[in-house]
Amino acid sequence: MTAALLSLVVLLAGCGTVPQRRPPGGAVAPTGKEWMPPATPGAQGAGPPRPRLARRDVYAADRPGMLSPAVRGFPARVYVPGGADGTVTVIDQATFRVVGRLAVGRLPQHVTPSHDLRTLWVGNNLGDSLTPVDPATGRAGRRVPVTDPYNLYFTPDGRQAIVVAERLRRLDFRDPRTMRLRRSLPVPCLGVDHLDFDADGRYLLASCEFGARIVRVDVQRQRVTGSLRLPAGSMPQDVKLAPDGGLFYVADLVAGGTWLVDGARLRVVGLVRTGRGAHGLYVSRDSRLLYVSNRGDGSVSAVSFATRRVIATWRIPGGSPDMGGVSADGRVLWLSGRYDAEVYAIDTRTGRLRARIGVGADPHGLCVYPQPGRYSLGHTGVFR
């Protein structure tokens, strides 16, 4: 198999695009050509990450009501990328209704809040571009050429955007506003796709879905400092730091749960079994629980950070919960139904399914916005 063909196979396996029905209502809005992401004064010299609000909780700034002044007044929406038709479906969080659709680019994978919280970036994976969206107006701007933007993150100090170029097997360090390439870092594994940073922003752990590995990268020096091999056949997915900063949780589609990884020593210290196809990881607003979407089981597991055990499992009959986020008040967990052209709104107090909303085919990394937090680390909304 040629390198080019292998890259294509890897991409399609990760994307899982399946033709589905189109969303109800709402015309496709043309991509705007006037709006561009606003400049953030001092962004390039932002310095070290801001200190934690609580010594033992990296998510202390994510409590209900703690919206940054930068996002107050933004309408509460859910932005859902549809991989099959190159659009983003927009849902009103209050009414659970589709209120619009945006034309973006080929195979949009994730919708990502910028570090300064003022812009949403849509990663058009096969379109080799990022589309900026103004969350105040819902208007899309001019596409920015970016190669292979499967996923997007920002260093805690705000100085670097990191484009996860999955099919090219590299992390691209870019200007966080213009997205101009600064440096490409090859990674020694197939399918690099998700990552998270340690509590101090010194290093990151990235999962390699098709290489059964986790790699560690020195953020400042932009170099790989270690690689952890997982059991044969593993398919690591989303990565999330525990609130106390001690361990990383790494979802695994094949293991049916989340690995507990000591990032400093780069070793596995346990596995929390949640369900078939464990994929997305989301922290509750009080930092007590980790919500794990089990795509293969059609369920969501609530894992206690204190005991590292599943305390509740919520079923979505016939569903395929994938990626999403938690509402600003913490009461609703929003997840895309990857293989069912729908979005789920789940009550986090009872586990009851409040709504199933039809959207475009192959919905993936939806973004719930706005959310509390001082700044964004990227993905579909990781805030500190």
Protein backbone atom coordinates (compact mmCIF):
# COMPACT_ATOMS: atom_id res chain seq x y z
CA MET A 1 0.00 0.00 0.00
CA THR A 2 1.43 3.40 -0.97
CA ALA A 3 1.94 6.14 1.62
CA ALA A 4 -0.73 8.27 -0.06
CA LEU A 5 -3.27 5.43 -0.02
CA LEU A 6 -2.46 4.61 3.60
CA SER A 7 -3.07 8.24 4.54
CA LEU A 8 -6.47 8.16 2.86
CA VAL A 9 -7.46 4.93 4.63
CA VAL A 10 -6.42 6.36 7.99
CA LEU A 11 -8.42 9.54 7.40
CA LEU A 12 -11.60 7.73 6.40
CA ALA A 13 -11.33 5.31 9.32
CA GLY A 14 -11.06 8.17 11.78
CA CYS A 15 -13.85 10.21 10.21
CA GLY A 16 -16.39 7.42 9.78
CA THR A 17 -18.42 9.39 7.24
CA VAL A 18 -21.78 7.77 6.50
CA PRO A 19 -24.43 9.35 4.22
CA GLN A 20 -27.41 10.45 6.33
CA ARG A 21 -30.47 12.66 6.14
CA ARG A 22 -30.26 16.44 5.96
CA PRO A 23 -31.31 18.66 8.88
CA PRO A 24 -34.78 20.12 9.10
CA GLY A 25 -35.37 23.79 8.34
CA GLY A 26 -32.95 26.65 7.95
CA ALA A 27 -31.28 27.71 4.74
CA VAL A 28 -27.56 27.35 4.24
CA ALA A 29 -25.94 30.69 5.00
CA PRO A 30 -23.17 31.72 2.59
CA THR A 31 -19.68 32.10 3.98
CA GLY A 32 -19.10 35.80 4.72
CA LYS A 33 -16.10 37.66 3.38
CA GLU A 34 -16.00 40.71 5.61
CA TRP A 35 -15.62 39.41 9.13
CA MET A 36 -12.22 38.28 10.43
CA PRO A 37 -11.14 37.23 13.94
CA PRO A 38 -10.45 40.31 16.08
CA ALA A 39 -6.92 41.05 17.21
CA THR A 40 -6.28 40.45 20.89
CA PRO A 41 -4.03 43.09 22.46
CA GLY A 42 -0.89 41.48 23.83
CA ALA A 43 -1.81 38.00 22.65
CA GLN A 44 1.61 37.27 21.22
CA GLY A 45 3.31 38.17 24.49
CA ALA A 46 0.77 36.65 26.81
CA GLY A 47 3.44 35.06 29.00
CA PRO A 48 2.99 32.04 31.26
CA PRO A 49 -0.45 30.51 31.88
CA ARG A 50 -2.49 32.37 34.46
CA PRO A 51 -2.32 30.82 37.93
CA ARG A 52 -4.93 28.29 38.92
CA LEU A 53 -7.87 29.71 40.89
CA ALA A 54 -7.71 26.68 43.16
CA ARG A 55 -4.55 24.73 43.90
CA ARG A 56 -6.24 21.37 43.50
CA ASP A 57 -8.58 22.16 40.60
CA VAL A 58 -7.48 23.23 37.13
CA TYR A 59 -11.17 23.72 36.22
CA ALA A 60 -12.01 26.11 39.08
CA ALA A 61 -12.69 28.90 36.56
CA ASP A 62 -15.36 26.79 34.80
CA ARG A 63 -18.13 27.05 37.40
CA PRO A 64 -21.69 28.01 36.40
CA GLY A 65 -22.07 31.75 35.90
CA MET A 66 -18.33 32.41 35.58
CA LEU A 67 -18.54 33.68 32.03
CA SER A 68 -15.68 35.85 30.83
CA PRO A 69 -16.58 39.44 29.87
CA ALA A 70 -15.42 38.45 26.38
CA VAL A 71 -18.41 36.11 25.91
CA ARG A 72 -21.17 37.73 27.94
CA GLY A 73 -24.02 38.55 25.63
CA PHE A 74 -23.22 35.79 23.13
CA PRO A 75 -26.37 33.81 22.29
CA ALA A 76 -26.39 30.29 23.77
CA ARG A 77 -25.95 28.02 20.78
CA VAL A 78 -24.66 24.60 19.78
CA TYR A 79 -22.52 24.50 16.64
CA VAL A 80 -22.57 21.10 14.93
CA PRO A 81 -20.17 20.28 12.06
CA GLY A 82 -21.67 17.98 9.44
CA GLY A 83 -18.93 16.04 7.74
CA ALA A 84 -21.01 14.86 4.80
CA ASP A 85 -22.23 18.19 3.46
CA GLY A 86 -19.63 20.72 4.63
CA THR A 87 -21.95 22.72 6.87
CA VAL A 88 -22.35 23.69 10.52
CA THR A 89 -25.86 23.37 11.95
CA VAL A 90 -26.70 25.93 14.65
CA ILE A 91 -29.04 24.93 17.50
CA ASP A 92 -30.70 27.23 20.05
CA GLN A 93 -29.92 25.76 23.49
CA ALA A 94 -33.11 27.11 25.05
CA THR A 95 -35.58 25.79 22.48
CA PHE A 96 -33.66 22.75 21.16
CA ARG A 97 -34.45 23.96 17.65
CA VAL A 98 -32.25 24.36 14.58
CA VAL A 99 -31.94 28.11 13.89
CA GLY A 100 -29.50 28.13 10.99
CA ARG A 101 -26.81 26.46 8.95
CA LEU A 102 -23.44 27.78 7.80
CA ALA A 103 -21.55 26.71 4.70
CA VAL A 104 -17.93 26.05 5.71
CA GLY A 105 -15.63 23.59 3.88
CA ARG A 106 -15.02 19.94 3.04
CA LEU A 107 -15.34 17.49 5.94
CA PRO A 108 -15.59 19.80 8.96
CA GLN A 109 -14.47 17.80 12.00
CA HIS A 110 -14.49 20.05 15.10
CA VAL A 111 -15.68 23.52 16.11
CA THR A 112 -13.08 25.09 18.39
CA PRO A 113 -13.19 28.24 20.59
CA SER A 114 -10.13 30.46 20.19
CA HIS A 115 -7.81 31.04 23.14
CA ASP A 116 -9.22 34.56 23.66
CA LEU A 117 -12.81 33.18 23.45
CA ARG A 118 -13.85 35.64 20.72
CA THR A 119 -13.85 33.33 17.70
CA LEU A 120 -15.00 29.83 16.83
CA TRP A 121 -12.82 27.98 14.32
CA VAL A 122 -14.27 25.21 12.13
CA GLY A 123 -11.65 22.68 11.03
CA ASN A 124 -12.35 21.71 7.41
CA ASN A 125 -10.23 18.57 7.29
CA LEU A 126 -10.40 17.71 3.58
CA GLY A 127 -10.84 21.36 2.64
CA ASP A 128 -7.43 22.20 4.12
CA SER A 129 -8.86 25.30 5.74
CA LEU A 130 -10.27 26.83 8.90
CA THR A 131 -13.49 28.85 8.82
CA PRO A 132 -13.82 31.53 11.53
CA VAL A 133 -17.29 32.10 13.00
CA ASP A 134 -18.31 35.14 15.03
CA PRO A 135 -20.23 33.74 18.04
CA ALA A 136 -21.86 37.13 18.62
CA THR A 137 -23.62 37.16 15.25
CA GLY A 138 -23.31 33.57 14.03
CA ARG A 139 -21.71 34.82 10.83
CA ALA A 140 -18.93 32.85 9.12
CA GLY A 141 -15.86 34.61 7.78
CA ARG A 142 -13.34 34.01 5.02
CA ARG A 143 -11.68 30.60 5.06
CA VAL A 144 -8.04 30.53 6.12
CA PRO A 145 -5.79 28.04 4.27
CA VAL A 146 -4.47 25.47 6.78
CA THR A 147 -3.24 22.00 5.86
CA ASP A 148 -5.00 18.97 7.37
CA PRO A 149 -6.80 20.64 10.31
CA TYR A 150 -8.27 17.53 11.91
CA ASN A 151 -8.20 19.17 15.35
CA LEU A 152 -7.11 22.46 16.90
CA TYR A 153 -5.69 23.44 20.28
CA PHE A 154 -4.01 26.43 21.93
CA THR A 155 -1.12 26.48 24.40
CA PRO A 156 -2.17 27.72 27.84
CA ASP A 157 -0.12 30.91 27.45
CA GLY A 158 -1.97 31.72 24.22
CA ARG A 159 1.19 32.10 22.17
CA GLN A 160 0.69 29.10 19.89
CA ALA A 161 -2.14 27.43 18.05
CA ILE A 162 -1.54 23.72 17.51
CA VAL A 163 -3.19 22.17 14.48
CA VAL A 164 -3.37 18.39 14.78
CA ALA A 165 -2.58 17.23 11.26
CA GLU A 166 -3.70 13.61 11.61
CA ARG A 167 -3.07 12.22 8.14
CA LEU A 168 0.32 13.99 7.93
CA ARG A 169 1.38 12.64 11.36
CA ARG A 170 2.44 15.97 12.80
CA LEU A 171 1.57 18.84 15.12
CA ASP A 172 1.72 22.22 13.41
CA PHE A 173 2.54 25.20 15.64
CA ARG A 174 0.87 28.29 14.19
CA ASP A 175 0.11 31.93 14.92
CA PRO A 176 -3.08 31.81 17.06
CA ARG A 177 -4.81 34.58 15.10
CA THR A 178 -3.56 34.44 11.50
CA MET A 179 -2.88 30.67 11.61
CA ARG A 180 0.37 31.20 9.72
CA LEU A 181 2.64 28.15 10.08
CA ARG A 182 5.62 28.56 12.40
CA ARG A 183 6.90 25.00 12.84
CA SER A 184 5.83 21.43 12.08
CA LEU A 185 6.62 18.71 14.60
CA PRO A 186 6.47 15.11 13.26
CA VAL A 187 5.10 12.57 15.73
CA PRO A 188 6.24 8.92 15.76
CA CYS A 189 2.82 7.29 15.37
CA LEU A 190 -0.27 6.98 13.18
CA GLY A 191 -3.50 8.81 13.81
CA VAL A 192 -2.54 11.59 16.21
CA ASP A 193 -5.85 13.29 16.96
CA HIS A 194 -6.50 14.52 20.54
CA LEU A 195 -4.40 16.06 23.31
CA ASP A 196 -4.41 17.91 26.61
CA PHE A 197 -1.89 19.89 28.65
CA ASP A 198 -0.51 19.34 32.14
CA ALA A 199 -1.55 21.74 34.90
CA ASP A 200 1.37 24.11 34.31
CA GLY A 201 1.34 24.00 30.53
CA ARG A 202 4.86 22.56 30.32
CA TYR A 203 3.98 19.48 28.30
CA LEU A 204 1.09 17.87 26.47
CA LEU A 205 -0.04 14.28 25.94
CA ALA A 206 -1.40 13.37 22.50
CA SER A 207 -3.25 10.19 21.56
CA CYS A 208 -2.45 8.21 18.42
CA GLU A 209 -5.62 6.40 17.42
CA PHE A 210 -4.08 4.07 14.84
CA GLY A 211 -0.72 3.59 16.54
CA ALA A 212 -1.89 2.43 20.01
CA ARG A 213 0.39 5.06 21.53
CA ILE A 214 0.44 8.22 23.59
CA VAL A 215 3.19 10.74 22.94
CA ARG A 216 4.48 13.48 25.24
CA VAL A 217 5.62 16.82 23.85
CA ASP A 218 7.60 19.58 25.55
CA VAL A 219 5.45 22.63 24.72
CA GLN A 220 8.12 25.32 24.96
CA ARG A 221 10.82 23.39 23.11
CA GLN A 222 8.29 21.85 20.71
CA ARG A 223 9.84 18.40 20.72
CA VAL A 224 8.71 14.87 21.53
CA THR A 225 10.05 13.76 24.93
CA GLY A 226 8.51 10.31 25.22
CA SER A 227 6.14 7.69 23.86
CA LEU A 228 3.91 5.26 25.74
CA ARG A 229 2.85 2.03 24.04
CA LEU A 230 -0.65 0.83 24.94
CA PRO A 231 -1.82 -2.81 24.63
CA ALA A 232 -1.95 -4.10 21.05
CA GLY A 233 -5.12 -3.10 19.25
CA SER A 234 -5.85 -0.10 21.47
CA MET A 235 -7.40 2.98 19.84
CA PRO A 236 -6.89 5.97 22.18
CA GLN A 237 -9.19 8.95 21.62
CA ASP A 238 -9.96 12.02 23.73
CA VAL A 239 -7.53 13.11 26.45
CA LYS A 240 -8.48 15.00 29.61
CA LEU A 241 -6.47 16.11 32.65
CA ALA A 242 -7.96 15.28 36.06
CA PRO A 243 -8.98 18.35 38.12
CA ASP A 244 -6.11 17.87 40.59
CA GLY A 245 -3.62 17.68 37.73
CA GLY A 246 -2.34 14.30 38.87
CA LEU A 247 -3.41 12.00 36.03
CA PHE A 248 -4.69 12.11 32.47
CA TYR A 249 -7.79 10.22 31.38
CA VAL A 250 -7.50 8.77 27.86
CA ALA A 251 -10.60 7.29 26.25
CA ASP A 252 -10.10 4.12 24.21
CA LEU A 253 -12.58 2.81 21.63
CA VAL A 254 -11.33 -0.77 21.85
CA ALA A 255 -10.56 -1.02 25.58
CA GLY A 256 -14.08 0.17 26.35
CA GLY A 257 -13.06 2.74 28.92
CA THR A 258 -10.48 5.32 29.89
CA TRP A 259 -6.84 4.70 30.64
CA LEU A 260 -5.38 6.45 33.69
CA VAL A 261 -2.01 7.82 32.64
CA ASP A 262 0.74 9.37 34.74
CA GLY A 263 2.04 11.97 32.31
CA ALA A 264 5.21 12.83 34.19
CA ARG A 265 6.35 9.19 34.39
CA LEU A 266 4.58 8.27 31.16
CA ARG A 267 2.99 5.07 32.37
CA VAL A 268 -0.49 3.56 32.66
CA VAL A 269 -1.71 3.22 36.24
CA GLY A 270 -5.22 1.88 35.62
CA LEU A 271 -8.26 1.51 33.40
CA VAL A 272 -11.82 2.62 34.17
CA ARG A 273 -14.21 0.50 32.10
CA THR A 274 -17.20 2.49 30.86
CA GLY A 275 -18.57 0.92 27.68
CA ARG A 276 -17.93 -0.08 24.10
CA GLY A 277 -16.48 2.67 21.95
CA ALA A 278 -15.43 5.09 24.72
CA HIS A 279 -14.67 8.30 22.87
CA GLY A 280 -15.37 11.80 24.31
CA LEU A 281 -14.49 13.13 27.78
CA TYR A 282 -16.19 16.09 29.52
CA VAL A 283 -15.80 17.49 33.05
CA SER A 284 -18.85 18.45 35.11
CA ARG A 285 -19.18 22.07 36.24
CA ASP A 286 -18.35 21.15 39.86
CA SER A 287 -15.27 19.13 38.78
CA ARG A 288 -16.59 16.02 40.51
CA LEU A 289 -17.51 13.91 37.48
CA LEU A 290 -16.14 12.96 34.10
CA TYR A 291 -18.77 12.26 31.44
CA VAL A 292 -17.62 9.57 29.00
CA SER A 293 -19.48 9.04 25.72
CA ASN A 294 -19.55 5.36 24.74
CA ARG A 295 -20.26 5.47 21.01
CA GLY A 296 -20.50 1.70 20.51
CA ASP A 297 -22.81 1.15 23.49
CA GLY A 298 -25.07 4.13 22.89
CA SER A 299 -24.47 5.31 26.44
CA VAL A 300 -22.82 7.91 28.64
CA SER A 301 -20.94 7.02 31.82
CA ALA A 302 -20.50 9.35 34.78
CA VAL A 303 -17.13 8.63 36.41
CA SER A 304 -16.26 9.94 39.88
CA PHE A 305 -12.86 11.63 39.97
CA ALA A 306 -12.66 10.86 43.70
CA THR A 307 -13.16 7.09 43.41
CA ARG A 308 -12.28 6.58 39.72
CA ARG A 309 -15.40 4.47 39.35
CA VAL A 310 -18.55 4.67 37.23
CA ILE A 311 -21.41 5.93 39.39
CA ALA A 312 -24.10 6.16 36.70
CA THR A 313 -24.76 5.04 33.12
CA TRP A 314 -27.27 6.81 30.89
CA ARG A 315 -28.65 4.98 27.85
CA ILE A 316 -29.51 6.54 24.49
CA PRO A 317 -31.55 3.89 22.65
CA GLY A 318 -30.26 3.47 19.11
CA GLY A 319 -27.79 6.30 19.63
CA SER A 320 -24.10 6.82 18.87
CA PRO A 321 -22.94 9.56 21.33
CA ASP A 322 -19.66 11.03 20.19
CA MET A 323 -18.34 14.51 21.02
CA GLY A 324 -19.74 17.69 22.53
CA GLY A 325 -19.73 19.72 25.72
CA VAL A 326 -21.57 20.88 28.82
CA SER A 327 -23.93 23.87 28.96
CA ALA A 328 -22.80 26.99 30.83
CA ASP A 329 -25.06 26.18 33.79
CA GLY A 330 -23.87 22.57 33.85
CA ARG A 331 -27.36 21.11 33.50
CA VAL A 332 -27.21 19.76 29.95
CA LEU A 333 -24.62 17.55 28.27
CA TRP A 334 -24.74 17.99 24.49
CA LEU A 335 -23.35 15.22 22.27
CA SER A 336 -23.34 14.50 18.55
CA GLY A 337 -24.89 11.23 17.33
CA ARG A 338 -22.08 10.32 14.97
CA TYR A 339 -23.83 7.65 12.91
CA ASP A 340 -27.41 8.82 13.33
CA ALA A 341 -27.46 12.41 12.01
CA GLU A 342 -28.68 13.81 15.31
CA VAL A 343 -27.66 15.65 18.47
CA TYR A 344 -28.53 14.58 22.03
CA ALA A 345 -29.32 16.90 24.95
CA ILE A 346 -28.96 14.99 28.23
CA ASP A 347 -30.02 16.22 31.68
CA THR A 348 -26.90 15.88 33.86
CA ARG A 349 -28.96 15.68 37.08
CA THR A 350 -31.11 12.72 36.02
CA GLY A 351 -29.53 11.31 32.87
CA ARG A 352 -32.83 11.83 31.06
CA LEU A 353 -32.66 12.48 27.33
CA ARG A 354 -34.27 15.90 26.92
CA ALA A 355 -34.06 16.14 23.14
CA ARG A 356 -32.91 14.39 19.96
CA ILE A 357 -32.38 16.95 17.23
CA GLY A 358 -31.91 16.05 13.56
CA VAL A 359 -28.82 17.59 11.93
CA GLY A 360 -26.56 17.01 8.94
CA ALA A 361 -24.99 13.63 8.25
CA ASP A 362 -21.87 12.57 10.13
CA PRO A 363 -22.00 15.14 12.98
CA HIS A 364 -18.77 15.14 14.93
CA GLY A 365 -17.04 17.65 17.23
CA LEU A 366 -19.87 19.98 18.20
CA CYS A 367 -19.23 23.06 20.31
CA VAL A 368 -21.50 24.30 23.10
CA TYR A 369 -21.02 28.05 23.40
CA PRO A 370 -20.49 30.18 25.35
CA GLN A 371 -19.02 28.35 28.35
CA PRO A 372 -17.38 29.56 31.58
CA GLY A 373 -13.60 29.91 31.71
CA ARG A 374 -10.82 32.48 31.42
CA TYR A 375 -9.32 31.06 28.21
CA SER A 376 -9.69 28.14 25.82
CA LEU A 377 -7.25 25.31 25.21
CA GLY A 378 -9.19 24.35 22.10
CA HIS A 379 -10.81 21.12 20.85
CA THR A 380 -14.61 21.46 21.27
CA GLY A 381 -14.15 23.62 24.35
CA VAL A 382 -11.59 22.92 27.09
CA PHE A 383 -11.41 25.89 29.43
CA ARG A 384 -9.33 26.97 32.42
